[in-house]
Amino acid sequence: MENAVKAICQALIEEAGLVISHTDKIAALGSSDARTTAQAIDGMRLDAVEHIQNLTLELTRLITSGEEPGEAESGGEPEGEGEAE
């Protein structure tokens, strides 16, 4: 699980870097002539933010459940989380 947590955190770092880069590019354009370019970059920035949200949800699920990524989809159930009879 530790490797999966590290991998997700690394992906978060990379996505955050993209958001910062896109924000800097938009700020550097500044003129109204570059409006279309700024809108395109803003779209890429929003995509990166969405990816950050998805990664954060996966990281939260992973840490709170103790499951490896994909384990829940394969039908595996963590110990102690079955229904009590």
Protein backbone atom coordinates (compact mmCIF):
# COMPACT_ATOMS: atom_id res chain seq x y z
CA MET A 1 0.00 0.00 0.00
CA GLU A 2 2.86 2.39 0.75
CA ASN A 3 4.04 2.30 -2.86
CA ALA A 4 0.55 3.09 -4.11
CA VAL A 5 0.26 6.03 -1.70
CA LYS A 6 3.64 7.36 -2.85
CA ALA A 7 2.68 6.96 -6.51
CA ILE A 8 -0.56 8.88 -6.04
CA CYS A 9 1.23 11.63 -4.10
CA GLN A 10 3.83 11.92 -6.86
CA ALA A 11 1.04 12.22 -9.44
CA LEU A 12 -0.53 14.96 -7.29
CA ILE A 13 2.77 16.86 -7.28
CA GLU A 14 3.00 16.60 -11.08
CA GLU A 15 -0.60 17.73 -11.60
CA ALA A 16 -0.16 20.65 -9.19
CA GLY A 17 2.90 21.67 -11.20
CA LEU A 18 0.78 21.69 -14.35
CA VAL A 19 -1.85 23.90 -12.72
CA ILE A 20 0.86 26.35 -11.62
CA SER A 21 2.46 26.32 -15.07
CA HIS A 22 -0.86 26.92 -16.83
CA THR A 23 -1.69 29.74 -14.40
CA ASP A 24 1.68 31.38 -15.10
CA LYS A 25 1.13 31.10 -18.85
CA ILE A 26 -2.30 32.73 -18.60
CA ALA A 27 -0.87 35.55 -16.49
CA ALA A 28 1.97 36.09 -18.95
CA LEU A 29 -0.42 36.48 -21.90
CA GLY A 30 -2.21 39.44 -20.38
CA SER A 31 -3.51 41.02 -23.60
CA SER A 32 -7.02 40.65 -24.98
CA ASP A 33 -5.51 39.50 -28.30
CA ALA A 34 -4.50 36.27 -26.59
CA ARG A 35 -7.97 35.56 -25.18
CA THR A 36 -8.46 32.35 -27.21
CA THR A 37 -5.08 31.04 -26.13
CA ALA A 38 -5.83 31.90 -22.50
CA GLN A 39 -9.16 30.06 -22.72
CA ALA A 40 -7.45 26.97 -24.15
CA ILE A 41 -4.83 27.00 -21.40
CA ASP A 42 -7.56 27.51 -18.80
CA GLY A 43 -9.30 24.39 -20.14
CA MET A 44 -6.09 22.41 -19.66
CA ARG A 45 -5.76 23.85 -16.17
CA LEU A 46 -9.31 22.74 -15.30
CA ASP A 47 -8.52 19.24 -16.61
CA ALA A 48 -5.50 19.11 -14.29
CA VAL A 49 -7.63 20.27 -11.34
CA GLU A 50 -10.17 17.53 -12.10
CA HIS A 51 -7.36 14.96 -12.18
CA ILE A 52 -6.11 16.26 -8.81
CA GLN A 53 -9.62 15.78 -7.40
CA ASN A 54 -9.78 12.21 -8.70
CA LEU A 55 -6.32 11.41 -7.33
CA THR A 56 -7.26 12.89 -3.96
CA LEU A 57 -10.39 10.73 -3.79
CA GLU A 58 -8.37 7.62 -4.67
CA LEU A 59 -5.71 8.50 -2.08
CA THR A 60 -8.39 9.00 0.58
CA ARG A 61 -10.05 5.68 -0.30
CA LEU A 62 -6.71 3.88 -0.26
CA ILE A 63 -5.62 5.24 3.10
CA THR A 64 -8.98 4.82 4.84
CA SER A 65 -9.68 1.32 3.51
CA GLY A 66 -6.18 -0.12 3.52
CA GLU A 67 -6.86 -1.65 0.09
CA GLU A 68 -4.45 -1.78 -2.77
CA PRO A 69 -5.68 0.08 -5.89
CA GLY A 70 -8.08 -2.13 -7.85
CA GLU A 71 -8.64 -4.53 -4.94
CA ALA A 72 -12.25 -3.45 -4.36
CA GLU A 73 -13.11 -3.90 -8.04
CA SER A 74 -11.76 -7.46 -8.02
CA GLY A 75 -14.16 -8.47 -5.26
CA GLY A 76 -11.52 -8.60 -2.51
CA GLU A 77 -12.70 -7.40 0.86
CA PRO A 78 -10.33 -6.10 3.55
CA GLU A 79 -10.24 -8.14 6.73
CA GLY A 80 -12.81 -7.14 9.30
CA GLU A 81 -15.06 -5.29 6.85
CA GLY A 82 -17.50 -8.09 6.06
CA GLU A 83 -21.05 -8.07 7.40
CA ALA A 84 -21.42 -9.27 10.98
CA GLU A 85 -23.90 -12.08 11.51
